[in-house]
Amino acid sequence: MTDPTPDAPEPFDEAEYRRRQRSRANLMAVLLFALALLFFFITIAKMTVLK
């Protein structure tokens, strides 16, 4: 009974928040680049096969 609030939220760690945000942004950039690359190769493949 020494801890009156066991469900209290942890203190906000801005450095950790920024690290996770940067990690998510980097992942989205890689996925977007991969999708653009995939579209590029599909377009090139369609142009060369159908001619």
PDB file of N, CA and C in Angstrom:
ATOM      1  N   MET A   1       0.804  -1.198   0.000  1.00  0.00           N
ATOM      2  CA  MET A   1       0.000   0.000   0.000  1.00  0.00           C
ATOM      3  C   MET A   1       0.848   1.262   0.000  1.00  0.00           C
ATOM      4  N   THR A   2       2.098   1.145  -0.388  1.00  0.00           N
ATOM      5  CA  THR A   2       2.945   2.335  -0.426  1.00  0.00           C
ATOM      6  C   THR A   2       2.742   3.127  -1.712  1.00  0.00           C
ATOM      7  N   ASP A   3       2.278   2.457  -2.777  1.00  0.00           N
ATOM      8  CA  ASP A   3       2.068   3.141  -4.055  1.00  0.00           C
ATOM      9  C   ASP A   3       0.578   3.427  -4.219  1.00  0.00           C
ATOM     10  N   PRO A   4       0.143   4.678  -4.024  1.00  0.00           N
ATOM     11  CA  PRO A   4      -1.293   4.970  -4.073  1.00  0.00           C
ATOM     12  C   PRO A   4      -1.876   4.952  -5.491  1.00  0.00           C
ATOM     13  N   THR A   5      -1.071   5.160  -6.520  1.00  0.00           N
ATOM     14  CA  THR A   5      -1.596   5.196  -7.883  1.00  0.00           C
ATOM     15  C   THR A   5      -0.811   4.229  -8.771  1.00  0.00           C
ATOM     16  N   PRO A   6      -1.161   2.949  -8.771  1.00  0.00           N
ATOM     17  CA  PRO A   6      -0.424   1.990  -9.603  1.00  0.00           C
ATOM     18  C   PRO A   6      -0.696   2.160 -11.099  1.00  0.00           C
ATOM     19  N   ASP A   7      -1.811   2.782 -11.462  1.00  0.00           N
ATOM     20  CA  ASP A   7      -2.168   2.968 -12.867  1.00  0.00           C
ATOM     21  C   ASP A   7      -1.780   4.337 -13.398  1.00  0.00           C
ATOM     22  N   ALA A   8      -0.900   5.034 -12.723  1.00  0.00           N
ATOM     23  CA  ALA A   8      -0.493   6.364 -13.154  1.00  0.00           C
ATOM     24  C   ALA A   8       0.321   6.251 -14.449  1.00  0.00           C
ATOM     25  N   PRO A   9       0.098   7.156 -15.392  1.00  0.00           N
ATOM     26  CA  PRO A   9       0.862   7.099 -16.648  1.00  0.00           C
ATOM     27  C   PRO A   9       2.335   7.422 -16.417  1.00  0.00           C
ATOM     28  N   GLU A  10       3.160   6.851 -17.280  1.00  0.00           N
ATOM     29  CA  GLU A  10       4.595   7.127 -17.177  1.00  0.00           C
ATOM     30  C   GLU A  10       4.864   8.560 -17.634  1.00  0.00           C
ATOM     31  N   PRO A  11       5.924   9.168 -17.152  1.00  0.00           N
ATOM     32  CA  PRO A  11       6.250  10.526 -17.604  1.00  0.00           C
ATOM     33  C   PRO A  11       6.561  10.541 -19.100  1.00  0.00           C
ATOM     34  N   PHE A  12       6.203  11.632 -19.750  1.00  0.00           N
ATOM     35  CA  PHE A  12       6.377  11.760 -21.197  1.00  0.00           C
ATOM     36  C   PHE A  12       7.849  11.955 -21.540  1.00  0.00           C
ATOM     37  N   ASP A  13       8.359  11.088 -22.396  1.00  0.00           N
ATOM     38  CA  ASP A  13       9.756  11.167 -22.820  1.00  0.00           C
ATOM     39  C   ASP A  13       9.795  11.667 -24.261  1.00  0.00           C
ATOM     40  N   GLU A  14      10.086  12.953 -24.434  1.00  0.00           N
ATOM     41  CA  GLU A  14      10.045  13.545 -25.769  1.00  0.00           C
ATOM     42  C   GLU A  14      11.116  12.983 -26.691  1.00  0.00           C
ATOM     43  N   ALA A  15      12.279  12.643 -26.162  1.00  0.00           N
ATOM     44  CA  ALA A  15      13.351  12.084 -26.990  1.00  0.00           C
ATOM     45  C   ALA A  15      12.924  10.739 -27.569  1.00  0.00           C
ATOM     46  N   GLU A  16      12.287   9.925 -26.756  1.00  0.00           N
ATOM     47  CA  GLU A  16      11.808   8.615 -27.234  1.00  0.00           C
ATOM     48  C   GLU A  16      10.698   8.800 -28.263  1.00  0.00           C
ATOM     49  N   TYR A  17       9.810   9.769 -28.018  1.00  0.00           N
ATOM     50  CA  TYR A  17       8.730  10.069 -28.959  1.00  0.00           C
ATOM     51  C   TYR A  17       9.298  10.500 -30.306  1.00  0.00           C
ATOM     52  N   ARG A  18      10.293  11.379 -30.301  1.00  0.00           N
ATOM     53  CA  ARG A  18      10.921  11.845 -31.543  1.00  0.00           C
ATOM     54  C   ARG A  18      11.639  10.708 -32.266  1.00  0.00           C
ATOM     55  N   ARG A  19      12.284   9.813 -31.487  1.00  0.00           N
ATOM     56  CA  ARG A  19      12.992   8.682 -32.086  1.00  0.00           C
ATOM     57  C   ARG A  19      12.002   7.763 -32.805  1.00  0.00           C
ATOM     58  N   ARG A  20      10.873   7.482 -32.153  1.00  0.00           N
ATOM     59  CA  ARG A  20       9.858   6.631 -32.794  1.00  0.00           C
ATOM     60  C   ARG A  20       9.245   7.321 -34.012  1.00  0.00           C
ATOM     61  N   GLN A  21       9.021   8.618 -33.912  1.00  0.00           N
ATOM     62  CA  GLN A  21       8.450   9.376 -35.018  1.00  0.00           C
ATOM     63  C   GLN A  21       9.404   9.369 -36.219  1.00  0.00           C
ATOM     64  N   ARG A  22      10.702   9.559 -35.960  1.00  0.00           N
ATOM     65  CA  ARG A  22      11.705   9.545 -37.024  1.00  0.00           C
ATOM     66  C   ARG A  22      11.806   8.152 -37.648  1.00  0.00           C
ATOM     67  N   SER A  23      11.709   7.123 -36.828  1.00  0.00           N
ATOM     68  CA  SER A  23      11.765   5.752 -37.309  1.00  0.00           C
ATOM     69  C   SER A  23      10.581   5.461 -38.234  1.00  0.00           C
ATOM     70  N   ARG A  24       9.386   5.906 -37.819  1.00  0.00           N
ATOM     71  CA  ARG A  24       8.197   5.715 -38.646  1.00  0.00           C
ATOM     72  C   ARG A  24       8.308   6.482 -39.959  1.00  0.00           C
ATOM     73  N   ALA A  25       8.832   7.683 -39.911  1.00  0.00           N
ATOM     74  CA  ALA A  25       8.976   8.495 -41.122  1.00  0.00           C
ATOM     75  C   ALA A  25       9.967   7.841 -42.081  1.00  0.00           C
ATOM     76  N   ASN A  26      11.047   7.299 -41.557  1.00  0.00           N
ATOM     77  CA  ASN A  26      12.021   6.615 -42.409  1.00  0.00           C
ATOM     78  C   ASN A  26      11.416   5.369 -43.050  1.00  0.00           C
ATOM     79  N   LEU A  27      10.640   4.619 -42.291  1.00  0.00           N
ATOM     80  CA  LEU A  27       9.986   3.435 -42.829  1.00  0.00           C
ATOM     81  C   LEU A  27       9.016   3.815 -43.944  1.00  0.00           C
ATOM     82  N   MET A  28       8.237   4.870 -43.740  1.00  0.00           N
ATOM     83  CA  MET A  28       7.297   5.311 -44.770  1.00  0.00           C
ATOM     84  C   MET A  28       8.026   5.779 -46.028  1.00  0.00           C
ATOM     85  N   ALA A  29       9.169   6.436 -45.864  1.00  0.00           N
ATOM     86  CA  ALA A  29       9.954   6.882 -47.018  1.00  0.00           C
ATOM     87  C   ALA A  29      10.469   5.681 -47.813  1.00  0.00           C
ATOM     88  N   VAL A  30      10.953   4.670 -47.119  1.00  0.00           N
ATOM     89  CA  VAL A  30      11.450   3.468 -47.802  1.00  0.00           C
ATOM     90  C   VAL A  30      10.310   2.757 -48.519  1.00  0.00           C
ATOM     91  N   LEU A  31       9.164   2.624 -47.871  1.00  0.00           N
ATOM     92  CA  LEU A  31       8.026   1.961 -48.509  1.00  0.00           C
ATOM     93  C   LEU A  31       7.515   2.741 -49.715  1.00  0.00           C
ATOM     94  N   LEU A  32       7.471   4.051 -49.613  1.00  0.00           N
ATOM     95  CA  LEU A  32       7.029   4.876 -50.735  1.00  0.00           C
ATOM     96  C   LEU A  32       7.996   4.773 -51.909  1.00  0.00           C
ATOM     97  N   PHE A  33       9.290   4.785 -51.624  1.00  0.00           N
ATOM     98  CA  PHE A  33      10.299   4.625 -52.664  1.00  0.00           C
ATOM     99  C   PHE A  33      10.179   3.252 -53.320  1.00  0.00           C
ATOM    100  N   ALA A  34       9.971   2.206 -52.524  1.00  0.00           N
ATOM    101  CA  ALA A  34       9.830   0.854 -53.075  1.00  0.00           C
ATOM    102  C   ALA A  34       8.591   0.754 -53.964  1.00  0.00           C
ATOM    103  N   LEU A  35       7.502   1.385 -53.566  1.00  0.00           N
ATOM    104  CA  LEU A  35       6.284   1.373 -54.366  1.00  0.00           C
ATOM    105  C   LEU A  35       6.497   2.109 -55.690  1.00  0.00           C
ATOM    106  N   ALA A  36       7.168   3.250 -55.641  1.00  0.00           N
ATOM    107  CA  ALA A  36       7.455   3.998 -56.871  1.00  0.00           C
ATOM    108  C   ALA A  36       8.354   3.180 -57.788  1.00  0.00           C
ATOM    109  N   LEU A  37       9.339   2.502 -57.229  1.00  0.00           N
ATOM    110  CA  LEU A  37      10.237   1.655 -58.010  1.00  0.00           C
ATOM    111  C   LEU A  37       9.467   0.492 -58.642  1.00  0.00           C
ATOM    112  N   LEU A  38       8.562  -0.098 -57.887  1.00  0.00           N
ATOM    113  CA  LEU A  38       7.737  -1.186 -58.412  1.00  0.00           C
ATOM    114  C   LEU A  38       6.884  -0.705 -59.581  1.00  0.00           C
ATOM    115  N   PHE A  39       6.239   0.451 -59.432  1.00  0.00           N
ATOM    116  CA  PHE A  39       5.439   1.005 -60.522  1.00  0.00           C
ATOM    117  C   PHE A  39       6.299   1.286 -61.750  1.00  0.00           C
ATOM    118  N   PHE A  40       7.505   1.794 -61.536  1.00  0.00           N
ATOM    119  CA  PHE A  40       8.419   2.080 -62.638  1.00  0.00           C
ATOM    120  C   PHE A  40       8.753   0.801 -63.403  1.00  0.00           C
ATOM    121  N   PHE A  41       9.122  -0.254 -62.686  1.00  0.00           N
ATOM    122  CA  PHE A  41       9.493  -1.503 -63.357  1.00  0.00           C
ATOM    123  C   PHE A  41       8.303  -2.173 -64.032  1.00  0.00           C
ATOM    124  N   ILE A  42       7.121  -2.064 -63.434  1.00  0.00           N
ATOM    125  CA  ILE A  42       5.922  -2.611 -64.084  1.00  0.00           C
ATOM    126  C   ILE A  42       5.651  -1.862 -65.378  1.00  0.00           C
ATOM    127  N   THR A  43       5.791  -0.543 -65.357  1.00  0.00           N
ATOM    128  CA  THR A  43       5.569   0.259 -66.565  1.00  0.00           C
ATOM    129  C   THR A  43       6.576  -0.100 -67.648  1.00  0.00           C
ATOM    130  N   ILE A  44       7.836  -0.223 -67.295  1.00  0.00           N
ATOM    131  CA  ILE A  44       8.863  -0.594 -68.270  1.00  0.00           C
ATOM    132  C   ILE A  44       8.585  -1.984 -68.831  1.00  0.00           C
ATOM    133  N   ALA A  45       8.192  -2.926 -67.972  1.00  0.00           N
ATOM    134  CA  ALA A  45       7.906  -4.290 -68.428  1.00  0.00           C
ATOM    135  C   ALA A  45       6.729  -4.305 -69.389  1.00  0.00           C
ATOM    136  N   LYS A  46       5.686  -3.525 -69.103  1.00  0.00           N
ATOM    137  CA  LYS A  46       4.535  -3.478 -69.993  1.00  0.00           C
ATOM    138  C   LYS A  46       4.894  -2.857 -71.342  1.00  0.00           C
ATOM    139  N   MET A  47       5.748  -1.855 -71.330  1.00  0.00           N
ATOM    140  CA  MET A  47       6.151  -1.197 -72.577  1.00  0.00           C
ATOM    141  C   MET A  47       6.992  -2.131 -73.446  1.00  0.00           C
ATOM    142  N   THR A  48       7.839  -2.940 -72.856  1.00  0.00           N
ATOM    143  CA  THR A  48       8.715  -3.805 -73.652  1.00  0.00           C
ATOM    144  C   THR A  48       8.024  -5.071 -74.088  1.00  0.00           C
ATOM    145  N   VAL A  49       7.090  -5.611 -73.335  1.00  0.00           N
ATOM    146  CA  VAL A  49       6.437  -6.880 -73.668  1.00  0.00           C
ATOM    147  C   VAL A  49       5.388  -6.682 -74.744  1.00  0.00           C
ATOM    148  N   LEU A  50       4.627  -5.598 -74.711  1.00  0.00           N
ATOM    149  CA  LEU A  50       3.505  -5.416 -75.614  1.00  0.00           C
ATOM    150  C   LEU A  50       3.872  -4.864 -76.984  1.00  0.00           C
ATOM    151  N   LYS A  51       5.109  -4.492 -77.203  1.00  0.00           N
ATOM    152  CA  LYS A  51       5.467  -3.917 -78.504  1.00  0.00           C
ATOM    153  C   LYS A  51       5.755  -4.952 -79.534  1.00  0.00           C
TER     154      LYS A  51
END
